[in-house]
């Protein structure tokens, strides 16, 4: 009966060691995942900042006054006079 008690204790010890290793592994994986999440949040924040800058740049380039100035200077375009405008009605 003494032999089975030692075997039982050895199995319990093995089980405790395996559970401890499993706990350490899961904690390590959780930390790695949290670090990856933080990196992705930082990347998303950088992308939002860049998106805002691009929207501002687009509004600057597409400003009506700028477009009209470029059309007049580089393309020699001008606004039509009121008599030159024709409205076409769709059928």
PDB file of N, CA and C in Angstrom:
ATOM      1  N   UNK A   1       0.823  -1.189   0.000  1.00  0.00           N
ATOM      2  CA  UNK A   1       0.000   0.000   0.000  1.00  0.00           C
ATOM      3  C   UNK A   1       0.869   1.255   0.000  1.00  0.00           C
ATOM      4  N   UNK A   2       2.049   1.155   0.538  1.00  0.00           N
ATOM      5  CA  UNK A   2       2.969   2.279   0.592  1.00  0.00           C
ATOM      6  C   UNK A   2       3.401   2.698  -0.813  1.00  0.00           C
ATOM      7  N   UNK A   3       3.566   1.745  -1.694  1.00  0.00           N
ATOM      8  CA  UNK A   3       3.982   2.014  -3.064  1.00  0.00           C
ATOM      9  C   UNK A   3       2.938   2.840  -3.802  1.00  0.00           C
ATOM     10  N   UNK A   4       1.655   2.504  -3.630  1.00  0.00           N
ATOM     11  CA  UNK A   4       0.604   3.241  -4.325  1.00  0.00           C
ATOM     12  C   UNK A   4       0.483   4.660  -3.785  1.00  0.00           C
ATOM     13  N   UNK A   5       0.794   4.876  -2.517  1.00  0.00           N
ATOM     14  CA  UNK A   5       0.787   6.229  -1.952  1.00  0.00           C
ATOM     15  C   UNK A   5       1.885   7.077  -2.562  1.00  0.00           C
ATOM     16  N   UNK A   6       3.081   6.509  -2.743  1.00  0.00           N
ATOM     17  CA  UNK A   6       4.176   7.236  -3.385  1.00  0.00           C
ATOM     18  C   UNK A   6       3.861   7.540  -4.846  1.00  0.00           C
ATOM     19  N   UNK A   7       3.236   6.593  -5.507  1.00  0.00           N
ATOM     20  CA  UNK A   7       2.836   6.794  -6.896  1.00  0.00           C
ATOM     21  C   UNK A   7       1.801   7.908  -6.998  1.00  0.00           C
ATOM     22  N   UNK A   8       0.869   7.903  -6.077  1.00  0.00           N
ATOM     23  CA  UNK A   8      -0.173   8.939  -6.055  1.00  0.00           C
ATOM     24  C   UNK A   8       0.460  10.313  -5.835  1.00  0.00           C
ATOM     25  N   UNK A   9       1.407  10.385  -4.875  1.00  0.00           N
ATOM     26  CA  UNK A   9       2.098  11.657  -4.609  1.00  0.00           C
ATOM     27  C   UNK A   9       2.904  12.112  -5.820  1.00  0.00           C
ATOM     28  N   UNK A  10       3.546  11.196  -6.489  1.00  0.00           N
ATOM     29  CA  UNK A  10       4.320  11.534  -7.683  1.00  0.00           C
ATOM     30  C   UNK A  10       3.408  12.041  -8.792  1.00  0.00           C
ATOM     31  N   UNK A  11       2.252  11.424  -8.958  1.00  0.00           N
ATOM     32  CA  UNK A  11       1.286  11.880  -9.971  1.00  0.00           C
ATOM     33  C   UNK A  11       0.747  13.260  -9.627  1.00  0.00           C
ATOM     34  N   UNK A  12       0.478  13.465  -8.335  1.00  0.00           N
ATOM     35  CA  UNK A  12       0.009  14.792  -7.913  1.00  0.00           C
ATOM     36  C   UNK A  12       1.085  15.848  -8.162  1.00  0.00           C
ATOM     37  N   UNK A  13       2.326  15.531  -7.858  1.00  0.00           N
ATOM     38  CA  UNK A  13       3.434  16.456  -8.100  1.00  0.00           C
ATOM     39  C   UNK A  13       3.565  16.759  -9.596  1.00  0.00           C
ATOM     40  N   UNK A  14       3.477  15.746 -10.412  1.00  0.00           N
ATOM     41  CA  UNK A  14       3.539  15.933 -11.856  1.00  0.00           C
ATOM     42  C   UNK A  14       2.389  16.812 -12.345  1.00  0.00           C
ATOM     43  N   UNK A  15       1.214  16.575 -11.809  1.00  0.00           N
ATOM     44  CA  UNK A  15       0.045  17.370 -12.183  1.00  0.00           C
ATOM     45  C   UNK A  15       0.233  18.833 -11.781  1.00  0.00           C
ATOM     46  N   UNK A  16       0.749  19.083 -10.584  1.00  0.00           N
ATOM     47  CA  UNK A  16       0.983  20.452 -10.115  1.00  0.00           C
ATOM     48  C   UNK A  16       2.012  21.148 -10.995  1.00  0.00           C
ATOM     49  N   UNK A  17       3.084  20.441 -11.347  1.00  0.00           N
ATOM     50  CA  UNK A  17       4.122  21.020 -12.207  1.00  0.00           C
ATOM     51  C   UNK A  17       3.547  21.343 -13.587  1.00  0.00           C
ATOM     52  N   UNK A  18       2.763  20.443 -14.140  1.00  0.00           N
ATOM     53  CA  UNK A  18       2.154  20.690 -15.453  1.00  0.00           C
ATOM     54  C   UNK A  18       1.191  21.877 -15.410  1.00  0.00           C
ATOM     55  N   UNK A  19       0.409  21.958 -14.349  1.00  0.00           N
ATOM     56  CA  UNK A  19      -0.512  23.090 -14.215  1.00  0.00           C
ATOM     57  C   UNK A  19       0.246  24.397 -14.052  1.00  0.00           C
ATOM     58  N   UNK A  20       1.335  24.383 -13.309  1.00  0.00           N
ATOM     59  CA  UNK A  20       2.143  25.594 -13.148  1.00  0.00           C
ATOM     60  C   UNK A  20       2.738  26.026 -14.485  1.00  0.00           C
ATOM     61  N   UNK A  21       3.253  25.085 -15.249  1.00  0.00           N
ATOM     62  CA  UNK A  21       3.798  25.406 -16.569  1.00  0.00           C
ATOM     63  C   UNK A  21       2.711  25.934 -17.504  1.00  0.00           C
ATOM     64  N   UNK A  22       1.544  25.358 -17.414  1.00  0.00           N
ATOM     65  CA  UNK A  22       0.422  25.821 -18.232  1.00  0.00           C
ATOM     66  C   UNK A  22       0.039  27.247 -17.869  1.00  0.00           C
ATOM     67  N   UNK A  23       0.034  27.547 -16.573  1.00  0.00           N
ATOM     68  CA  UNK A  23      -0.289  28.898 -16.118  1.00  0.00           C
ATOM     69  C   UNK A  23       0.734  29.908 -16.616  1.00  0.00           C
ATOM     70  N   UNK A  24       2.010  29.569 -16.512  1.00  0.00           N
ATOM     71  CA  UNK A  24       3.065  30.469 -16.979  1.00  0.00           C
ATOM     72  C   UNK A  24       2.941  30.692 -18.479  1.00  0.00           C
ATOM     73  N   UNK A  25       2.672  29.639 -19.221  1.00  0.00           N
ATOM     74  CA  UNK A  25       2.522  29.758 -20.676  1.00  0.00           C
ATOM     75  C   UNK A  25       1.333  30.636 -21.041  1.00  0.00           C
ATOM     76  N   UNK A  26       0.219  30.454 -20.381  1.00  0.00           N
ATOM     77  CA  UNK A  26      -0.968  31.256 -20.703  1.00  0.00           C
ATOM     78  C   UNK A  26      -0.766  32.716 -20.326  1.00  0.00           C
ATOM     79  N   UNK A  27      -0.088  32.990 -19.209  1.00  0.00           N
ATOM     80  CA  UNK A  27       0.196  34.377 -18.832  1.00  0.00           C
ATOM     81  C   UNK A  27       1.132  35.032 -19.846  1.00  0.00           C
ATOM     82  N   UNK A  28       2.127  34.298 -20.291  1.00  0.00           N
ATOM     83  CA  UNK A  28       3.048  34.831 -21.299  1.00  0.00           C
ATOM     84  C   UNK A  28       2.308  35.151 -22.598  1.00  0.00           C
ATOM     85  N   UNK A  29       1.434  34.248 -23.006  1.00  0.00           N
ATOM     86  CA  UNK A  29       0.659  34.469 -24.229  1.00  0.00           C
ATOM     87  C   UNK A  29      -0.264  35.670 -24.070  1.00  0.00           C
ATOM     88  N   UNK A  30      -0.855  35.811 -22.889  1.00  0.00           N
ATOM     89  CA  UNK A  30      -1.741  36.957 -22.641  1.00  0.00           C
ATOM     90  C   UNK A  30      -0.959  38.263 -22.708  1.00  0.00           C
ATOM     91  N   UNK A  31       0.241  38.285 -22.166  1.00  0.00           N
ATOM     92  CA  UNK A  31       1.066  39.499 -22.228  1.00  0.00           C
ATOM     93  C   UNK A  31       1.463  39.829 -23.658  1.00  0.00           C
ATOM     94  N   UNK A  32       1.816  38.818 -24.426  1.00  0.00           N
ATOM     95  CA  UNK A  32       2.172  39.050 -25.834  1.00  0.00           C
ATOM     96  C   UNK A  32       0.976  39.594 -26.604  1.00  0.00           C
ATOM     97  N   UNK A  33      -0.199  39.036 -26.338  1.00  0.00           N
ATOM     98  CA  UNK A  33      -1.410  39.484 -27.018  1.00  0.00           C
ATOM     99  C   UNK A  33      -1.754  40.918 -26.627  1.00  0.00           C
ATOM    100  N   UNK A  34      -1.599  41.257 -25.356  1.00  0.00           N
ATOM    101  CA  UNK A  34      -1.855  42.619 -24.904  1.00  0.00           C
ATOM    102  C   UNK A  34      -0.884  43.600 -25.551  1.00  0.00           C
ATOM    103  N   UNK A  35       0.374  43.208 -25.660  1.00  0.00           N
ATOM    104  CA  UNK A  35       1.363  44.061 -26.310  1.00  0.00           C
ATOM    105  C   UNK A  35       0.995  44.281 -27.784  1.00  0.00           C
ATOM    106  N   UNK A  36       0.570  43.235 -28.452  1.00  0.00           N
ATOM    107  CA  UNK A  36       0.147  43.356 -29.845  1.00  0.00           C
ATOM    108  C   UNK A  36      -1.072  44.266 -29.974  1.00  0.00           C
ATOM    109  N   UNK A  37      -2.003  44.144 -29.044  1.00  0.00           N
ATOM    110  CA  UNK A  37      -3.186  45.008 -29.045  1.00  0.00           C
ATOM    111  C   UNK A  37      -2.785  46.469 -28.886  1.00  0.00           C
ATOM    112  N   UNK A  38      -1.859  46.755 -27.975  1.00  0.00           N
ATOM    113  CA  UNK A  38      -1.404  48.126 -27.779  1.00  0.00           C
ATOM    114  C   UNK A  38      -0.729  48.670 -29.044  1.00  0.00           C
ATOM    115  N   UNK A  39       0.052  47.840 -29.705  1.00  0.00           N
ATOM    116  CA  UNK A  39       0.698  48.272 -30.948  1.00  0.00           C
ATOM    117  C   UNK A  39      -0.340  48.591 -32.022  1.00  0.00           C
ATOM    118  N   UNK A  40      -1.363  47.757 -32.118  1.00  0.00           N
ATOM    119  CA  UNK A  40      -2.407  47.980 -33.124  1.00  0.00           C
ATOM    120  C   UNK A  40      -3.221  49.233 -32.809  1.00  0.00           C
ATOM    121  N   UNK A  41      -3.454  49.492 -31.525  1.00  0.00           N
ATOM    122  CA  UNK A  41      -4.162  50.732 -31.143  1.00  0.00           C
ATOM    123  C   UNK A  41      -3.334  51.952 -31.517  1.00  0.00           C
ATOM    124  N   UNK A  42      -2.028  51.881 -31.288  1.00  0.00           N
ATOM    125  CA  UNK A  42      -1.145  52.988 -31.652  1.00  0.00           C
ATOM    126  C   UNK A  42      -1.142  53.194 -33.171  1.00  0.00           C
ATOM    127  N   UNK A  43      -1.114  52.097 -33.901  1.00  0.00           N
ATOM    128  CA  UNK A  43      -1.149  52.181 -35.368  1.00  0.00           C
ATOM    129  C   UNK A  43      -2.475  52.801 -35.833  1.00  0.00           C
ATOM    130  N   UNK A  44      -3.571  52.405 -35.215  1.00  0.00           N
ATOM    131  CA  UNK A  44      -4.874  52.964 -35.582  1.00  0.00           C
ATOM    132  C   UNK A  44      -4.923  54.467 -35.302  1.00  0.00           C
ATOM    133  N   UNK A  45      -4.332  54.883 -34.196  1.00  0.00           N
ATOM    134  CA  UNK A  45      -4.287  56.307 -33.872  1.00  0.00           C
ATOM    135  C   UNK A  45      -3.462  57.073 -34.902  1.00  0.00           C
ATOM    136  N   UNK A  46      -2.334  56.514 -35.302  1.00  0.00           N
ATOM    137  CA  UNK A  46      -1.518  57.153 -36.336  1.00  0.00           C
ATOM    138  C   UNK A  46      -2.282  57.253 -37.654  1.00  0.00           C
ATOM    139  N   UNK A  47      -3.032  56.205 -37.974  1.00  0.00           N
ATOM    140  CA  UNK A  47      -3.818  56.223 -39.210  1.00  0.00           C
ATOM    141  C   UNK A  47      -4.916  57.290 -39.155  1.00  0.00           C
ATOM    142  N   UNK A  48      -5.533  57.478 -37.993  1.00  0.00           N
ATOM    143  CA  UNK A  48      -6.559  58.521 -37.850  1.00  0.00           C
ATOM    144  C   UNK A  48      -5.957  59.907 -38.037  1.00  0.00           C
ATOM    145  N   UNK A  49      -4.759  60.121 -37.476  1.00  0.00           N
ATOM    146  CA  UNK A  49      -4.080  61.410 -37.639  1.00  0.00           C
ATOM    147  C   UNK A  49      -3.766  61.642 -39.118  1.00  0.00           C
ATOM    148  N   UNK A  50      -3.246  60.623 -39.780  1.00  0.00           N
ATOM    149  CA  UNK A  50      -2.924  60.755 -41.202  1.00  0.00           C
ATOM    150  C   UNK A  50      -4.182  61.014 -42.031  1.00  0.00           C
ATOM    151  N   UNK A  51      -5.291  60.350 -41.679  1.00  0.00           N
ATOM    152  CA  UNK A  51      -6.549  60.562 -42.390  1.00  0.00           C
ATOM    153  C   UNK A  51      -7.011  62.016 -42.256  1.00  0.00           C
ATOM    154  N   UNK A  52      -6.894  62.564 -41.055  1.00  0.00           N
ATOM    155  CA  UNK A  52      -7.262  63.968 -40.845  1.00  0.00           C
ATOM    156  C   UNK A  52      -6.392  64.907 -41.672  1.00  0.00           C
ATOM    157  N   UNK A  53      -5.094  64.610 -41.726  1.00  0.00           N
ATOM    158  CA  UNK A  53      -4.190  65.441 -42.526  1.00  0.00           C
ATOM    159  C   UNK A  53      -4.527  65.349 -44.011  1.00  0.00           C
ATOM    160  N   UNK A  54      -4.861  64.159 -44.476  1.00  0.00           N
ATOM    161  CA  UNK A  54      -5.224  63.999 -45.886  1.00  0.00           C
ATOM    162  C   UNK A  54      -6.527  64.716 -46.225  1.00  0.00           C
ATOM    163  N   UNK A  55      -7.489  64.686 -45.306  1.00  0.00           N
ATOM    164  CA  UNK A  55      -8.739  65.411 -45.548  1.00  0.00           C
ATOM    165  C   UNK A  55      -8.494  66.914 -45.622  1.00  0.00           C
ATOM    166  N   UNK A  56      -7.633  67.410 -44.731  1.00  0.00           N
ATOM    167  CA  UNK A  56      -7.294  68.829 -44.754  1.00  0.00           C
ATOM    168  C   UNK A  56      -6.581  69.195 -46.054  1.00  0.00           C
ATOM    169  N   UNK A  57      -5.659  68.353 -46.476  1.00  0.00           N
ATOM    170  CA  UNK A  57      -4.944  68.591 -47.723  1.00  0.00           C
ATOM    171  C   UNK A  57      -5.898  68.573 -48.924  1.00  0.00           C
ATOM    172  N   UNK A  58      -6.836  67.634 -48.922  1.00  0.00           N
ATOM    173  CA  UNK A  58      -7.801  67.563 -50.022  1.00  0.00           C
ATOM    174  C   UNK A  58      -8.658  68.820 -50.070  1.00  0.00           C
ATOM    175  N   UNK A  59      -9.118  69.280 -48.917  1.00  0.00           N
ATOM    176  CA  UNK A  59      -9.960  70.477 -48.912  1.00  0.00           C
ATOM    177  C   UNK A  59      -9.171  71.706 -49.370  1.00  0.00           C
ATOM    178  N   UNK A  60      -7.875  71.733 -49.078  1.00  0.00           N
ATOM    179  CA  UNK A  60      -7.043  72.850 -49.524  1.00  0.00           C
ATOM    180  C   UNK A  60      -6.866  72.823 -51.041  1.00  0.00           C
ATOM    181  N   UNK A  61      -6.549  71.653 -51.585  1.00  0.00           N
ATOM    182  CA  UNK A  61      -6.322  71.542 -53.023  1.00  0.00           C
ATOM    183  C   UNK A  61      -7.602  71.749 -53.826  1.00  0.00           C
ATOM    184  N   UNK A  62      -8.732  71.382 -53.263  1.00  0.00           N
ATOM    185  CA  UNK A  62      -9.990  71.459 -54.004  1.00  0.00           C
ATOM    186  C   UNK A  62     -10.799  72.707 -53.668  1.00  0.00           C
ATOM    187  N   UNK A  63     -10.193  73.673 -52.999  1.00  0.00           N
ATOM    188  CA  UNK A  63     -10.920  74.902 -52.657  1.00  0.00           C
ATOM    189  C   UNK A  63     -11.361  75.599 -53.944  1.00  0.00           C
ATOM    190  N   UNK A  64     -12.611  76.035 -53.988  1.00  0.00           N
ATOM    191  CA  UNK A  64     -13.123  76.663 -55.224  1.00  0.00           C
ATOM    192  C   UNK A  64     -12.278  77.850 -55.701  1.00  0.00           C
ATOM    193  N   UNK A  65     -11.789  78.660 -54.788  1.00  0.00           N
ATOM    194  CA  UNK A  65     -10.983  79.823 -55.193  1.00  0.00           C
ATOM    195  C   UNK A  65      -9.685  79.365 -55.858  1.00  0.00           C
ATOM    196  N   UNK A  66      -9.077  78.321 -55.353  1.00  0.00           N
ATOM    197  CA  UNK A  66      -7.833  77.805 -55.935  1.00  0.00           C
ATOM    198  C   UNK A  66      -8.085  77.222 -57.326  1.00  0.00           C
ATOM    199  N   UNK A  67      -9.163  76.463 -57.452  1.00  0.00           N
ATOM    200  CA  UNK A  67      -9.497  75.864 -58.748  1.00  0.00           C
ATOM    201  C   UNK A  67      -9.774  76.951 -59.776  1.00  0.00           C
ATOM    202  N   UNK A  68     -10.502  77.978 -59.366  1.00  0.00           N
ATOM    203  CA  UNK A  68     -10.814  79.071 -60.289  1.00  0.00           C
ATOM    204  C   UNK A  68      -9.544  79.824 -60.689  1.00  0.00           C
ATOM    205  N   UNK A  69      -8.641  80.046 -59.759  1.00  0.00           N
ATOM    206  CA  UNK A  69      -7.390  80.735 -60.049  1.00  0.00           C
ATOM    207  C   UNK A  69      -6.537  79.938 -61.043  1.00  0.00           C
ATOM    208  N   UNK A  70      -6.428  78.629 -60.826  1.00  0.00           N
ATOM    209  CA  UNK A  70      -5.645  77.789 -61.734  1.00  0.00           C
ATOM    210  C   UNK A  70      -6.290  77.748 -63.110  1.00  0.00           C
ATOM    211  N   UNK A  71      -7.614  77.656 -63.148  1.00  0.00           N
ATOM    212  CA  UNK A  71      -8.316  77.637 -64.437  1.00  0.00           C
ATOM    213  C   UNK A  71      -8.071  78.931 -65.203  1.00  0.00           C
ATOM    214  N   UNK A  72      -8.057  80.052 -64.523  1.00  0.00           N
ATOM    215  CA  UNK A  72      -7.853  81.334 -65.196  1.00  0.00           C
ATOM    216  C   UNK A  72      -6.397  81.511 -65.615  1.00  0.00           C
ATOM    217  N   UNK A  73      -5.456  81.179 -64.738  1.00  0.00           N
ATOM    218  CA  UNK A  73      -4.047  81.433 -65.028  1.00  0.00           C
ATOM    219  C   UNK A  73      -3.447  80.451 -66.027  1.00  0.00           C
ATOM    220  N   UNK A  74      -3.656  79.179 -65.799  1.00  0.00           N
ATOM    221  CA  UNK A  74      -2.961  78.170 -66.601  1.00  0.00           C
ATOM    222  C   UNK A  74      -3.761  77.667 -67.797  1.00  0.00           C
ATOM    223  N   UNK A  75      -5.065  77.697 -67.686  1.00  0.00           N
ATOM    224  CA  UNK A  75      -5.900  77.175 -68.779  1.00  0.00           C
ATOM    225  C   UNK A  75      -6.620  78.288 -69.549  1.00  0.00           C
ATOM    226  N   UNK A  76      -6.375  79.533 -69.172  1.00  0.00           N
ATOM    227  CA  UNK A  76      -7.006  80.703 -69.803  1.00  0.00           C
ATOM    228  C   UNK A  76      -8.529  80.546 -69.876  1.00  0.00           C
ATOM    229  N   UNK A  77      -9.090  80.011 -68.833  1.00  0.00           N
ATOM    230  CA  UNK A  77     -10.546  79.865 -68.778  1.00  0.00           C
ATOM    231  C   UNK A  77     -11.136  81.083 -68.070  1.00  0.00           C
ATOM    232  N   UNK A  78     -12.385  81.371 -68.377  1.00  0.00           N
ATOM    233  CA  UNK A  78     -13.075  82.467 -67.700  1.00  0.00           C
ATOM    234  C   UNK A  78     -14.544  82.114 -67.534  1.00  0.00           C
ATOM    235  N   UNK A  79     -15.166  82.803 -66.619  1.00  0.00           N
ATOM    236  CA  UNK A  79     -16.594  82.538 -66.383  1.00  0.00           C
ATOM    237  C   UNK A  79     -17.405  83.010 -67.597  1.00  0.00           C
ATOM    238  N   UNK A  80     -18.409  82.234 -67.972  1.00  0.00           N
ATOM    239  CA  UNK A  80     -19.250  82.686 -69.099  1.00  0.00           C
ATOM    240  C   UNK A  80     -20.142  83.845 -68.667  1.00  0.00           C
ATOM    241  N   UNK A  81     -20.435  84.701 -69.622  1.00  0.00           N
ATOM    242  CA  UNK A  81     -21.350  85.819 -69.343  1.00  0.00           C
ATOM    243  C   UNK A  81     -22.774  85.274 -69.311  1.00  0.00           C
ATOM    244  N   UNK A  82     -23.668  86.038 -68.768  1.00  0.00           N
ATOM    245  CA  UNK A  82     -25.034  85.532 -68.569  1.00  0.00           C
ATOM    246  C   UNK A  82     -25.716  85.166 -69.890  1.00  0.00           C
ATOM    247  N   UNK A  83     -25.410  85.841 -70.966  1.00  0.00           N
ATOM    248  CA  UNK A  83     -26.015  85.527 -72.248  1.00  0.00           C
ATOM    249  C   UNK A  83     -25.417  84.282 -72.893  1.00  0.00           C
ATOM    250  N   UNK A  84     -24.268  83.844 -72.423  1.00  0.00           N
ATOM    251  CA  UNK A  84     -23.601  82.688 -73.004  1.00  0.00           C
ATOM    252  C   UNK A  84     -24.033  81.369 -72.358  1.00  0.00           C
ATOM    253  N   UNK A  85     -24.794  81.448 -71.299  1.00  0.00           N
ATOM    254  CA  UNK A  85     -25.215  80.232 -70.568  1.00  0.00           C
ATOM    255  C   UNK A  85     -26.525  79.753 -71.152  1.00  0.00           C
ATOM    256  N   UNK A  86     -26.585  78.472 -71.470  1.00  0.00           N
ATOM    257  CA  UNK A  86     -27.814  77.864 -71.977  1.00  0.00           C
ATOM    258  C   UNK A  86     -28.184  76.702 -71.075  1.00  0.00           C
ATOM    259  N   UNK A  87     -29.459  76.623 -70.739  1.00  0.00           N
ATOM    260  CA  UNK A  87     -29.947  75.532 -69.934  1.00  0.00           C
ATOM    261  C   UNK A  87     -30.662  74.552 -70.841  1.00  0.00           C
ATOM    262  N   UNK A  88     -30.366  73.299 -70.713  1.00  0.00           N
ATOM    263  CA  UNK A  88     -30.971  72.259 -71.536  1.00  0.00           C
ATOM    264  C   UNK A  88     -31.867  71.412 -70.636  1.00  0.00           C
ATOM    265  N   UNK A  89     -33.096  71.272 -71.062  1.00  0.00           N
ATOM    266  CA  UNK A  89     -34.051  70.476 -70.285  1.00  0.00           C
ATOM    267  C   UNK A  89     -34.046  69.038 -70.805  1.00  0.00           C
ATOM    268  N   UNK A  90     -33.948  68.073 -69.918  1.00  0.00           N
ATOM    269  CA  UNK A  90     -34.021  66.677 -70.367  1.00  0.00           C
ATOM    270  C   UNK A  90     -35.433  66.327 -70.822  1.00  0.00           C
ATOM    271  N   UNK A  91     -35.521  65.411 -71.759  1.00  0.00           N
ATOM    272  CA  UNK A  91     -36.846  65.031 -72.271  1.00  0.00           C
ATOM    273  C   UNK A  91     -37.541  64.136 -71.295  1.00  0.00           C
TER     274      UNK A  91
END
